[in-house]
Amino acid sequence: MTQQVQIPGTDLTIFPINLGTNTFGWTADEARSHAVLDAFVAAGGNFLDTAESYPAWVPGNTGRESETIIGTWLAARDNRDQVVIATKVGDHPDHTTQDPEYIRTAIDASLERLQTDHVDLYYAHRDDEVTPIAEVARVFDEIVSAGKARYVAVSNYSKDRLAEWLAVAKRENLAKPVAIQPQYSLVSRRDYEVELQPLAQEHHLGVFTYFSLAAGFLTGKYRTEADLEGASRGGMVKGYFNADGLKVVDELVAVAEAHDAAPASVALAWLLAKGVSAPIVSARAPEQLDALMAAPDLELSPEEIVRLDQASAPFA
């Protein structure tokens, strides 16, 4: 059974798979979402990732659905102390900036929807590249000091802006980011490995990757153009659907067959072997969790890691 790991710089311990809840209120209604959460916890999971903007891209949605669904589940199960919750601010269609005044109101709104008095990680979701970093760092510190968030984290920030936040936090003795959330997978390696990984290692940051399975492409279920038809994420997958991408999937499937495992398990095991703290994965039904939760117990050989590295070299 997989042991929990500690998020660097915190007292938070997590199962090394982070459940992304962007499907809640999109491809999973409330009842189905609650079933996914129940199954995730029953399988040993405890780390949930959401945002004030999930899933705002669905016509008719407000973007507050995911937090609200998690909140009703927490209230029904009375298990807030058994889960680690991360949410994010600053990438909602109605408010994309990192304006401190907005952040002060956004955290309260998120807590109300989640039906809790604090989140464990509060992310700056996307940098507006305009608001001075010092102002953003100070308001996040204020939220930690008020007990509304245990720790702060950063998603979609450039190397330079992240480095500046870390420097400001050290200089002014503010709550420093303890984790980052970059896009990283076998078919999206360059930005993280070149830009952010050295900084994450230097500052001992937790790493929680999104699009860990490239919107489902790395599950191996998309092998022909026909497979994309009608898929909820078909548009996103299409960007990987080329000779280089399919070569990665072929190698992934071959390694998976050698382990009698699912390709998704192998793709996530590769991320864990690369030092990722907990890849973010999502599910719209409980049965999809099996392959995801199996990843931490799947040990790839050094030779298999090299094979996958070489197959994905065009993306590095």
C-alpha atoms as a PDB file:
ATOM      1  CA  MET A   1       0.000   0.000   0.000  1.00  0.00           C
ATOM      2  CA  THR A   2       1.368   3.381  -0.987  1.00  0.00           C
ATOM      3  CA  GLN A   3       2.631   5.489   1.870  1.00  0.00           C
ATOM      4  CA  GLN A   4       1.602   9.100   2.163  1.00  0.00           C
ATOM      5  CA  VAL A   5       4.230  11.743   1.473  1.00  0.00           C
ATOM      6  CA  GLN A   6       4.772  15.133   3.051  1.00  0.00           C
ATOM      7  CA  ILE A   7       4.395  18.325   1.060  1.00  0.00           C
ATOM      8  CA  PRO A   8       7.790  20.047   1.422  1.00  0.00           C
ATOM      9  CA  GLY A   9       7.832  22.901   3.913  1.00  0.00           C
ATOM     10  CA  THR A  10       4.508  21.918   5.470  1.00  0.00           C
ATOM     11  CA  ASP A  11       2.992  19.490   7.945  1.00  0.00           C
ATOM     12  CA  LEU A  12       0.550  18.236   5.292  1.00  0.00           C
ATOM     13  CA  THR A  13       0.740  14.562   4.323  1.00  0.00           C
ATOM     14  CA  ILE A  14      -0.885  13.376   1.121  1.00  0.00           C
ATOM     15  CA  PHE A  15      -1.433  10.301  -0.990  1.00  0.00           C
ATOM     16  CA  PRO A  16       0.748  11.025  -4.046  1.00  0.00           C
ATOM     17  CA  ILE A  17      -2.168  11.383  -6.448  1.00  0.00           C
ATOM     18  CA  ASN A  18      -3.972  14.737  -6.473  1.00  0.00           C
ATOM     19  CA  LEU A  19      -7.631  14.497  -7.512  1.00  0.00           C
ATOM     20  CA  GLY A  20      -8.492  17.308  -9.899  1.00  0.00           C
ATOM     21  CA  THR A  21     -12.145  18.263  -9.666  1.00  0.00           C
ATOM     22  CA  ASN A  22     -12.569  20.260 -12.867  1.00  0.00           C
ATOM     23  CA  THR A  23     -14.982  17.547 -14.070  1.00  0.00           C
ATOM     24  CA  PHE A  24     -17.409  18.326 -11.243  1.00  0.00           C
ATOM     25  CA  GLY A  25     -20.349  20.245 -12.656  1.00  0.00           C
ATOM     26  CA  TRP A  26     -19.149  19.440 -16.181  1.00  0.00           C
ATOM     27  CA  THR A  27     -18.905  15.752 -17.126  1.00  0.00           C
ATOM     28  CA  ALA A  28     -19.947  14.667 -13.620  1.00  0.00           C
ATOM     29  CA  ASP A  29     -23.072  15.955 -11.898  1.00  0.00           C
ATOM     30  CA  GLU A  30     -23.269  16.330  -8.117  1.00  0.00           C
ATOM     31  CA  ALA A  31     -24.235  12.719  -7.375  1.00  0.00           C
ATOM     32  CA  ARG A  32     -21.560  11.320  -9.695  1.00  0.00           C
ATOM     33  CA  SER A  33     -18.978  13.727  -8.274  1.00  0.00           C
ATOM     34  CA  HIS A  34     -19.781  12.613  -4.729  1.00  0.00           C
ATOM     35  CA  ALA A  35     -19.347   9.003  -5.858  1.00  0.00           C
ATOM     36  CA  VAL A  36     -15.928   9.835  -7.322  1.00  0.00           C
ATOM     37  CA  LEU A  37     -14.901  11.533  -4.067  1.00  0.00           C
ATOM     38  CA  ASP A  38     -16.105   8.568  -2.011  1.00  0.00           C
ATOM     39  CA  ALA A  39     -14.172   6.132  -4.197  1.00  0.00           C
ATOM     40  CA  PHE A  40     -11.033   8.281  -4.128  1.00  0.00           C
ATOM     41  CA  VAL A  41     -11.018   8.393  -0.331  1.00  0.00           C
ATOM     42  CA  ALA A  42     -11.857   4.685  -0.062  1.00  0.00           C
ATOM     43  CA  ALA A  43      -8.791   3.947  -2.212  1.00  0.00           C
ATOM     44  CA  GLY A  44      -6.540   5.949   0.117  1.00  0.00           C
ATOM     45  CA  GLY A  45      -6.682   9.360  -1.548  1.00  0.00           C
ATOM     46  CA  ASN A  46      -6.963  12.538   0.471  1.00  0.00           C
ATOM     47  CA  PHE A  47      -5.761  15.470  -1.689  1.00  0.00           C
ATOM     48  CA  LEU A  48      -8.333  17.498  -3.662  1.00  0.00           C
ATOM     49  CA  ASP A  49      -7.597  20.243  -6.187  1.00  0.00           C
ATOM     50  CA  THR A  50     -10.237  22.772  -7.220  1.00  0.00           C
ATOM     51  CA  ALA A  51     -10.574  26.431  -8.203  1.00  0.00           C
ATOM     52  CA  GLU A  52     -13.100  29.239  -8.121  1.00  0.00           C
ATOM     53  CA  SER A  53     -13.254  28.947 -11.922  1.00  0.00           C
ATOM     54  CA  TYR A  54     -14.097  25.223 -12.316  1.00  0.00           C
ATOM     55  CA  PRO A  55     -15.800  24.611 -14.722  1.00  0.00           C
ATOM     56  CA  ALA A  56     -16.578  28.097 -16.076  1.00  0.00           C
ATOM     57  CA  TRP A  57     -15.955  26.966 -19.664  1.00  0.00           C
ATOM     58  CA  VAL A  58     -19.230  25.034 -19.722  1.00  0.00           C
ATOM     59  CA  PRO A  59     -22.098  27.061 -21.231  1.00  0.00           C
ATOM     60  CA  GLY A  60     -24.496  28.142 -18.502  1.00  0.00           C
ATOM     61  CA  ASN A  61     -22.022  27.546 -15.658  1.00  0.00           C
ATOM     62  CA  THR A  62     -20.780  30.217 -13.266  1.00  0.00           C
ATOM     63  CA  GLY A  63     -17.436  28.570 -12.565  1.00  0.00           C
ATOM     64  CA  ARG A  64     -18.333  28.022  -8.922  1.00  0.00           C
ATOM     65  CA  GLU A  65     -19.734  24.515  -9.360  1.00  0.00           C
ATOM     66  CA  SER A  66     -16.730  22.406  -8.357  1.00  0.00           C
ATOM     67  CA  GLU A  67     -16.149  24.115  -5.014  1.00  0.00           C
ATOM     68  CA  THR A  68     -19.879  23.974  -4.272  1.00  0.00           C
ATOM     69  CA  ILE A  69     -20.059  20.231  -4.975  1.00  0.00           C
ATOM     70  CA  ILE A  70     -17.033  19.551  -2.768  1.00  0.00           C
ATOM     71  CA  GLY A  71     -18.678  21.629  -0.049  1.00  0.00           C
ATOM     72  CA  THR A  72     -21.881  19.586  -0.087  1.00  0.00           C
ATOM     73  CA  TRP A  73     -19.818  16.387   0.030  1.00  0.00           C
ATOM     74  CA  LEU A  74     -17.768  17.625   3.009  1.00  0.00           C
ATOM     75  CA  ALA A  75     -20.949  18.579   4.827  1.00  0.00           C
ATOM     76  CA  ALA A  76     -22.607  15.238   4.098  1.00  0.00           C
ATOM     77  CA  ARG A  77     -19.577  13.142   5.066  1.00  0.00           C
ATOM     78  CA  ASP A  78     -18.345  15.341   7.957  1.00  0.00           C
ATOM     79  CA  ASN A  79     -14.758  14.499   7.007  1.00  0.00           C
ATOM     80  CA  ARG A  80     -13.024  17.851   6.539  1.00  0.00           C
ATOM     81  CA  ASP A  81     -10.114  16.814   8.782  1.00  0.00           C
ATOM     82  CA  GLN A  82      -9.434  13.744   6.649  1.00  0.00           C
ATOM     83  CA  VAL A  83      -8.781  15.620   3.392  1.00  0.00           C
ATOM     84  CA  VAL A  84      -6.286  18.194   2.149  1.00  0.00           C
ATOM     85  CA  ILE A  85      -7.966  20.861   0.009  1.00  0.00           C
ATOM     86  CA  ALA A  86      -6.341  23.181  -2.502  1.00  0.00           C
ATOM     87  CA  THR A  87      -8.206  25.896  -4.364  1.00  0.00           C
ATOM     88  CA  LYS A  88      -7.160  28.779  -6.585  1.00  0.00           C
ATOM     89  CA  VAL A  89      -7.932  32.411  -7.349  1.00  0.00           C
ATOM     90  CA  GLY A  90      -7.401  34.632 -10.358  1.00  0.00           C
ATOM     91  CA  ASP A  91      -8.331  32.739 -13.514  1.00  0.00           C
ATOM     92  CA  HIS A  92     -12.085  33.238 -13.595  1.00  0.00           C
ATOM     93  CA  PRO A  93     -13.574  34.668 -16.795  1.00  0.00           C
ATOM     94  CA  ASP A  94     -15.103  37.476 -14.732  1.00  0.00           C
ATOM     95  CA  HIS A  95     -11.892  38.259 -12.867  1.00  0.00           C
ATOM     96  CA  THR A  96      -8.537  37.223 -14.260  1.00  0.00           C
ATOM     97  CA  THR A  97      -6.284  39.618 -12.354  1.00  0.00           C
ATOM     98  CA  GLN A  98      -4.361  39.151  -9.123  1.00  0.00           C
ATOM     99  CA  ASP A  99      -5.831  42.323  -7.636  1.00  0.00           C
ATOM    100  CA  PRO A 100      -5.384  42.127  -3.826  1.00  0.00           C
ATOM    101  CA  GLU A 101      -8.831  43.565  -3.083  1.00  0.00           C
ATOM    102  CA  TYR A 102     -10.453  40.869  -5.187  1.00  0.00           C
ATOM    103  CA  ILE A 103      -8.352  38.118  -3.608  1.00  0.00           C
ATOM    104  CA  ARG A 104      -9.555  39.174  -0.142  1.00  0.00           C
ATOM    105  CA  THR A 105     -13.175  38.650  -1.176  1.00  0.00           C
ATOM    106  CA  ALA A 106     -12.469  35.565  -3.305  1.00  0.00           C
ATOM    107  CA  ILE A 107     -11.039  33.519  -0.448  1.00  0.00           C
ATOM    108  CA  ASP A 108     -14.136  34.174   1.672  1.00  0.00           C
ATOM    109  CA  ALA A 109     -16.409  33.164  -1.201  1.00  0.00           C
ATOM    110  CA  SER A 110     -14.420  29.972  -1.791  1.00  0.00           C
ATOM    111  CA  LEU A 111     -14.585  29.035   1.895  1.00  0.00           C
ATOM    112  CA  GLU A 112     -18.338  29.590   1.912  1.00  0.00           C
ATOM    113  CA  ARG A 113     -18.825  27.325  -1.108  1.00  0.00           C
ATOM    114  CA  LEU A 114     -16.497  24.690   0.333  1.00  0.00           C
ATOM    115  CA  GLN A 115     -18.294  24.901   3.690  1.00  0.00           C
ATOM    116  CA  THR A 116     -15.043  25.121   5.629  1.00  0.00           C
ATOM    117  CA  ASP A 117     -13.149  27.770   7.576  1.00  0.00           C
ATOM    118  CA  HIS A 118      -9.827  27.202   5.802  1.00  0.00           C
ATOM    119  CA  VAL A 119      -8.135  25.627   2.806  1.00  0.00           C
ATOM    120  CA  ASP A 120      -4.831  23.841   3.098  1.00  0.00           C
ATOM    121  CA  LEU A 121      -3.278  25.320  -0.048  1.00  0.00           C
ATOM    122  CA  TYR A 122      -4.356  28.567  -1.700  1.00  0.00           C
ATOM    123  CA  TYR A 123      -2.985  29.091  -5.196  1.00  0.00           C
ATOM    124  CA  ALA A 124      -2.462  32.168  -7.253  1.00  0.00           C
ATOM    125  CA  HIS A 125      -4.010  30.532 -10.320  1.00  0.00           C
ATOM    126  CA  ARG A 126      -2.574  32.589 -13.160  1.00  0.00           C
ATOM    127  CA  ASP A 127      -0.274  35.584 -13.157  1.00  0.00           C
ATOM    128  CA  ASP A 128      -1.656  38.756 -14.716  1.00  0.00           C
ATOM    129  CA  GLU A 129       1.965  39.963 -15.143  1.00  0.00           C
ATOM    130  CA  VAL A 130       0.809  43.432 -14.126  1.00  0.00           C
ATOM    131  CA  THR A 131       0.086  43.449 -10.386  1.00  0.00           C
ATOM    132  CA  PRO A 132       3.347  43.968  -8.475  1.00  0.00           C
ATOM    133  CA  ILE A 133       4.480  40.655  -7.024  1.00  0.00           C
ATOM    134  CA  ALA A 134       5.051  42.245  -3.617  1.00  0.00           C
ATOM    135  CA  GLU A 135       1.362  43.196  -3.418  1.00  0.00           C
ATOM    136  CA  VAL A 136       0.261  39.675  -4.313  1.00  0.00           C
ATOM    137  CA  ALA A 137       2.714  38.118  -1.850  1.00  0.00           C
ATOM    138  CA  ARG A 138       1.464  40.378   0.955  1.00  0.00           C
ATOM    139  CA  VAL A 139      -2.228  39.627   0.459  1.00  0.00           C
ATOM    140  CA  PHE A 140      -1.572  35.878   0.375  1.00  0.00           C
ATOM    141  CA  ASP A 141       0.428  36.230   3.591  1.00  0.00           C
ATOM    142  CA  GLU A 142      -2.487  38.151   5.081  1.00  0.00           C
ATOM    143  CA  ILE A 143      -4.808  35.247   4.240  1.00  0.00           C
ATOM    144  CA  VAL A 144      -2.465  32.777   5.934  1.00  0.00           C
ATOM    145  CA  SER A 145      -2.141  35.022   8.988  1.00  0.00           C
ATOM    146  CA  ALA A 146      -5.945  35.179   9.217  1.00  0.00           C
ATOM    147  CA  GLY A 147      -6.102  31.371   9.277  1.00  0.00           C
ATOM    148  CA  LYS A 148      -8.070  31.164   6.037  1.00  0.00           C
ATOM    149  CA  ALA A 149      -5.311  29.192   4.283  1.00  0.00           C
ATOM    150  CA  ARG A 150      -2.606  27.018   5.773  1.00  0.00           C
ATOM    151  CA  TYR A 151      -0.086  27.579   2.973  1.00  0.00           C
ATOM    152  CA  VAL A 152       0.221  29.386  -0.342  1.00  0.00           C
ATOM    153  CA  ALA A 153       1.142  28.051  -3.767  1.00  0.00           C
ATOM    154  CA  VAL A 154       1.570  29.262  -7.333  1.00  0.00           C
ATOM    155  CA  SER A 155       0.253  28.078 -10.702  1.00  0.00           C
ATOM    156  CA  ASN A 156       1.081  29.337 -14.197  1.00  0.00           C
ATOM    157  CA  TYR A 157       3.732  31.851 -13.123  1.00  0.00           C
ATOM    158  CA  SER A 158       6.895  32.407 -15.114  1.00  0.00           C
ATOM    159  CA  LYS A 159      10.240  31.442 -13.642  1.00  0.00           C
ATOM    160  CA  ASP A 160      11.134  35.112 -13.101  1.00  0.00           C
ATOM    161  CA  ARG A 161       7.873  36.099 -11.417  1.00  0.00           C
ATOM    162  CA  LEU A 162       7.989  33.007  -9.185  1.00  0.00           C
ATOM    163  CA  ALA A 163      11.597  33.768  -8.242  1.00  0.00           C
ATOM    164  CA  GLU A 164      10.566  37.318  -7.364  1.00  0.00           C
ATOM    165  CA  TRP A 165       7.742  36.059  -5.123  1.00  0.00           C
ATOM    166  CA  LEU A 166      10.156  33.755  -3.301  1.00  0.00           C
ATOM    167  CA  ALA A 167      12.621  36.638  -2.861  1.00  0.00           C
ATOM    168  CA  VAL A 168       9.948  39.041  -1.574  1.00  0.00           C
ATOM    169  CA  ALA A 169       8.642  36.421   0.867  1.00  0.00           C
ATOM    170  CA  LYS A 170      12.122  35.882   2.249  1.00  0.00           C
ATOM    171  CA  ARG A 171      12.942  39.587   2.456  1.00  0.00           C
ATOM    172  CA  GLU A 172       9.667  40.584   4.136  1.00  0.00           C
ATOM    173  CA  ASN A 173       9.226  37.385   6.168  1.00  0.00           C
ATOM    174  CA  LEU A 174       5.973  36.514   4.394  1.00  0.00           C
ATOM    175  CA  ALA A 175       4.363  33.125   3.843  1.00  0.00           C
ATOM    176  CA  LYS A 176       6.360  31.683   0.975  1.00  0.00           C
ATOM    177  CA  PRO A 177       4.952  29.498  -1.777  1.00  0.00           C
ATOM    178  CA  VAL A 178       5.426  25.849  -0.829  1.00  0.00           C
ATOM    179  CA  ALA A 179       4.327  24.364  -4.151  1.00  0.00           C
ATOM    180  CA  ILE A 180       3.852  25.006  -7.837  1.00  0.00           C
ATOM    181  CA  GLN A 181       1.339  23.657 -10.317  1.00  0.00           C
ATOM    182  CA  PRO A 182       2.915  23.448 -13.784  1.00  0.00           C
ATOM    183  CA  GLN A 183       1.759  21.707 -16.930  1.00  0.00           C
ATOM    184  CA  TYR A 184       3.936  18.612 -17.264  1.00  0.00           C
ATOM    185  CA  SER A 185       3.560  15.241 -18.945  1.00  0.00           C
ATOM    186  CA  LEU A 186       5.323  12.957 -21.387  1.00  0.00           C
ATOM    187  CA  VAL A 187       4.061  15.171 -24.221  1.00  0.00           C
ATOM    188  CA  SER A 188       4.653  18.506 -22.487  1.00  0.00           C
ATOM    189  CA  ARG A 189       8.116  18.519 -20.937  1.00  0.00           C
ATOM    190  CA  ARG A 190      10.008  21.591 -22.115  1.00  0.00           C
ATOM    191  CA  ASP A 191       8.534  24.436 -20.050  1.00  0.00           C
ATOM    192  CA  TYR A 192       8.725  22.642 -16.728  1.00  0.00           C
ATOM    193  CA  GLU A 193      12.052  20.864 -17.147  1.00  0.00           C
ATOM    194  CA  VAL A 194      13.881  23.902 -18.543  1.00  0.00           C
ATOM    195  CA  GLU A 195      12.209  26.774 -16.707  1.00  0.00           C
ATOM    196  CA  LEU A 196      10.640  25.706 -13.429  1.00  0.00           C
ATOM    197  CA  GLN A 197      12.214  22.454 -12.305  1.00  0.00           C
ATOM    198  CA  PRO A 198      15.578  24.019 -11.300  1.00  0.00           C
ATOM    199  CA  LEU A 199      13.760  26.632  -9.193  1.00  0.00           C
ATOM    200  CA  ALA A 200      11.492  24.011  -7.615  1.00  0.00           C
ATOM    201  CA  GLN A 201      14.496  21.910  -6.663  1.00  0.00           C
ATOM    202  CA  GLU A 202      16.476  24.859  -5.320  1.00  0.00           C
ATOM    203  CA  HIS A 203      13.614  26.006  -3.076  1.00  0.00           C
ATOM    204  CA  HIS A 204      12.287  22.525  -2.196  1.00  0.00           C
ATOM    205  CA  LEU A 205       8.830  23.201  -3.619  1.00  0.00           C
ATOM    206  CA  GLY A 206       6.110  20.619  -3.965  1.00  0.00           C
ATOM    207  CA  VAL A 207       5.185  19.930  -7.599  1.00  0.00           C
ATOM    208  CA  PHE A 208       1.594  19.129  -8.564  1.00  0.00           C
ATOM    209  CA  THR A 209       1.290  18.755 -12.315  1.00  0.00           C
ATOM    210  CA  TYR A 210      -1.804  19.489 -14.356  1.00  0.00           C
ATOM    211  CA  PHE A 211      -2.682  17.865 -17.694  1.00  0.00           C
ATOM    212  CA  SER A 212      -0.638  14.965 -16.291  1.00  0.00           C
ATOM    213  CA  LEU A 213      -2.344  12.660 -18.799  1.00  0.00           C
ATOM    214  CA  ALA A 214      -2.530  15.305 -21.554  1.00  0.00           C
ATOM    215  CA  ALA A 215      -6.334  15.578 -21.372  1.00  0.00           C
ATOM    216  CA  GLY A 216      -6.629  11.788 -21.641  1.00  0.00           C
ATOM    217  CA  PHE A 217      -4.261  11.329 -24.592  1.00  0.00           C
ATOM    218  CA  LEU A 218      -1.837   9.351 -22.411  1.00  0.00           C
ATOM    219  CA  THR A 219      -4.507   6.872 -21.358  1.00  0.00           C
ATOM    220  CA  GLY A 220      -3.988   5.220 -24.743  1.00  0.00           C
ATOM    221  CA  LYS A 221      -7.653   5.410 -25.716  1.00  0.00           C
ATOM    222  CA  TYR A 222      -7.037   7.845 -28.586  1.00  0.00           C
ATOM    223  CA  ARG A 223      -5.187   5.920 -31.305  1.00  0.00           C
ATOM    224  CA  THR A 224      -7.109   6.992 -34.424  1.00  0.00           C
ATOM    225  CA  GLU A 225      -8.968  10.087 -35.597  1.00  0.00           C
ATOM    226  CA  ALA A 226     -12.228   8.214 -35.067  1.00  0.00           C
ATOM    227  CA  ASP A 227     -11.410   7.896 -31.353  1.00  0.00           C
ATOM    228  CA  LEU A 228     -11.582  11.683 -31.013  1.00  0.00           C
ATOM    229  CA  GLU A 229     -15.141  11.987 -32.303  1.00  0.00           C
ATOM    230  CA  GLY A 230     -17.560  13.001 -29.577  1.00  0.00           C
ATOM    231  CA  ALA A 231     -14.897  13.068 -26.851  1.00  0.00           C
ATOM    232  CA  SER A 232     -15.430  15.847 -24.289  1.00  0.00           C
ATOM    233  CA  ARG A 233     -11.753  16.741 -24.531  1.00  0.00           C
ATOM    234  CA  GLY A 234     -11.277  15.863 -28.174  1.00  0.00           C
ATOM    235  CA  GLY A 235     -10.242  19.399 -29.052  1.00  0.00           C
ATOM    236  CA  MET A 236      -7.456  19.401 -26.457  1.00  0.00           C
ATOM    237  CA  VAL A 237      -6.250  15.928 -27.400  1.00  0.00           C
ATOM    238  CA  LYS A 238      -6.010  16.872 -31.083  1.00  0.00           C
ATOM    239  CA  GLY A 239      -2.946  19.007 -30.334  1.00  0.00           C
ATOM    240  CA  TYR A 240      -0.996  15.868 -29.394  1.00  0.00           C
ATOM    241  CA  PHE A 241      -2.384  13.754 -32.199  1.00  0.00           C
ATOM    242  CA  ASN A 242       0.612  13.567 -34.521  1.00  0.00           C
ATOM    243  CA  ALA A 243       3.489  11.168 -35.277  1.00  0.00           C
ATOM    244  CA  ASP A 244       5.552  12.264 -32.254  1.00  0.00           C
ATOM    245  CA  GLY A 245       2.601  12.023 -29.872  1.00  0.00           C
ATOM    246  CA  LEU A 246       1.477   8.637 -31.141  1.00  0.00           C
ATOM    247  CA  LYS A 247       5.036   7.323 -30.785  1.00  0.00           C
ATOM    248  CA  VAL A 248       4.899   8.209 -27.085  1.00  0.00           C
ATOM    249  CA  VAL A 249       1.584   6.390 -26.723  1.00  0.00           C
ATOM    250  CA  ASP A 250       2.973   3.319 -28.485  1.00  0.00           C
ATOM    251  CA  GLU A 251       5.909   3.165 -26.051  1.00  0.00           C
ATOM    252  CA  LEU A 252       3.595   3.814 -23.123  1.00  0.00           C
ATOM    253  CA  VAL A 253       1.354   0.927 -24.150  1.00  0.00           C
ATOM    254  CA  ALA A 254       4.352  -1.389 -24.576  1.00  0.00           C
ATOM    255  CA  VAL A 255       5.665  -0.601 -21.084  1.00  0.00           C
ATOM    256  CA  ALA A 256       2.164  -0.955 -19.653  1.00  0.00           C
ATOM    257  CA  GLU A 257       1.729  -4.390 -21.205  1.00  0.00           C
ATOM    258  CA  ALA A 258       5.000  -5.542 -19.647  1.00  0.00           C
ATOM    259  CA  HIS A 259       3.597  -4.630 -16.224  1.00  0.00           C
ATOM    260  CA  ASP A 260       0.027  -5.784 -16.922  1.00  0.00           C
ATOM    261  CA  ALA A 261      -0.902  -2.191 -16.102  1.00  0.00           C
ATOM    262  CA  ALA A 262      -2.890   0.597 -17.717  1.00  0.00           C
ATOM    263  CA  PRO A 263      -1.029   3.160 -19.858  1.00  0.00           C
ATOM    264  CA  ALA A 264      -2.340   5.902 -17.542  1.00  0.00           C
ATOM    265  CA  SER A 265      -0.663   4.201 -14.576  1.00  0.00           C
ATOM    266  CA  VAL A 266       2.651   4.183 -16.438  1.00  0.00           C
ATOM    267  CA  ALA A 267       2.366   7.836 -17.502  1.00  0.00           C
ATOM    268  CA  LEU A 268       1.783   8.861 -13.888  1.00  0.00           C
ATOM    269  CA  ALA A 269       4.517   6.548 -12.568  1.00  0.00           C
ATOM    270  CA  TRP A 270       6.939   8.279 -14.977  1.00  0.00           C
ATOM    271  CA  LEU A 271       5.994  11.663 -13.468  1.00  0.00           C
ATOM    272  CA  LEU A 272       6.506  10.339  -9.943  1.00  0.00           C
ATOM    273  CA  ALA A 273       9.904   8.957 -10.988  1.00  0.00           C
ATOM    274  CA  LYS A 274      10.782  12.473 -12.197  1.00  0.00           C
ATOM    275  CA  GLY A 275      10.234  13.898  -8.705  1.00  0.00           C
ATOM    276  CA  VAL A 276       6.659  15.121  -9.074  1.00  0.00           C
ATOM    277  CA  SER A 277       5.046  15.199  -5.622  1.00  0.00           C
ATOM    278  CA  ALA A 278       1.553  14.253  -6.782  1.00  0.00           C
ATOM    279  CA  PRO A 279       0.259  14.418 -10.357  1.00  0.00           C
ATOM    280  CA  ILE A 280      -3.196  15.942 -10.727  1.00  0.00           C
ATOM    281  CA  VAL A 281      -5.707  13.648 -12.404  1.00  0.00           C
ATOM    282  CA  SER A 282      -9.447  13.886 -12.841  1.00  0.00           C
ATOM    283  CA  ALA A 283     -12.248  11.369 -13.190  1.00  0.00           C
ATOM    284  CA  ARG A 284     -15.879  11.610 -14.176  1.00  0.00           C
ATOM    285  CA  ALA A 285     -16.750   8.165 -12.778  1.00  0.00           C
ATOM    286  CA  PRO A 286     -15.407   6.037  -9.894  1.00  0.00           C
ATOM    287  CA  GLU A 287     -14.206   3.222 -12.154  1.00  0.00           C
ATOM    288  CA  GLN A 288     -11.743   5.593 -13.844  1.00  0.00           C
ATOM    289  CA  LEU A 289      -9.827   5.902 -10.564  1.00  0.00           C
ATOM    290  CA  ASP A 290      -8.416   2.366 -10.569  1.00  0.00           C
ATOM    291  CA  ALA A 291      -5.625   3.043 -13.067  1.00  0.00           C
ATOM    292  CA  LEU A 292      -4.842   6.410 -11.491  1.00  0.00           C
ATOM    293  CA  MET A 293      -4.552   5.171  -7.918  1.00  0.00           C
ATOM    294  CA  ALA A 294      -2.354   2.254  -9.026  1.00  0.00           C
ATOM    295  CA  ALA A 295       0.421   4.539 -10.264  1.00  0.00           C
ATOM    296  CA  PRO A 296       2.350   5.090  -7.003  1.00  0.00           C
ATOM    297  CA  ASP A 297       2.792   1.334  -6.550  1.00  0.00           C
ATOM    298  CA  LEU A 298       4.069   0.852 -10.108  1.00  0.00           C
ATOM    299  CA  GLU A 299       7.857   0.918 -10.127  1.00  0.00           C
ATOM    300  CA  LEU A 300       9.387   1.526 -13.524  1.00  0.00           C
ATOM    301  CA  SER A 301      12.878   0.196 -14.187  1.00  0.00           C
ATOM    302  CA  PRO A 302      15.652   2.661 -15.104  1.00  0.00           C
ATOM    303  CA  GLU A 303      15.584   1.181 -18.604  1.00  0.00           C
ATOM    304  CA  GLU A 304      11.845   1.802 -18.950  1.00  0.00           C
ATOM    305  CA  ILE A 305      12.240   5.392 -17.803  1.00  0.00           C
ATOM    306  CA  VAL A 306      14.958   5.887 -20.440  1.00  0.00           C
ATOM    307  CA  ARG A 307      12.683   4.369 -23.098  1.00  0.00           C
ATOM    308  CA  LEU A 308       9.924   6.801 -22.206  1.00  0.00           C
ATOM    309  CA  ASP A 309      12.399   9.688 -22.029  1.00  0.00           C
ATOM    310  CA  GLN A 310      13.636   8.889 -25.515  1.00  0.00           C
ATOM    311  CA  ALA A 311      10.161   8.438 -26.987  1.00  0.00           C
ATOM    312  CA  SER A 312       9.100  11.811 -25.556  1.00  0.00           C
ATOM    313  CA  ALA A 313      12.338  13.604 -26.498  1.00  0.00           C
ATOM    314  CA  PRO A 314      10.596  15.767 -29.157  1.00  0.00           C
ATOM    315  CA  PHE A 315       8.570  17.313 -26.313  1.00  0.00           C
ATOM    316  CA  ALA A 316      11.622  17.973 -24.095  1.00  0.00           C
END
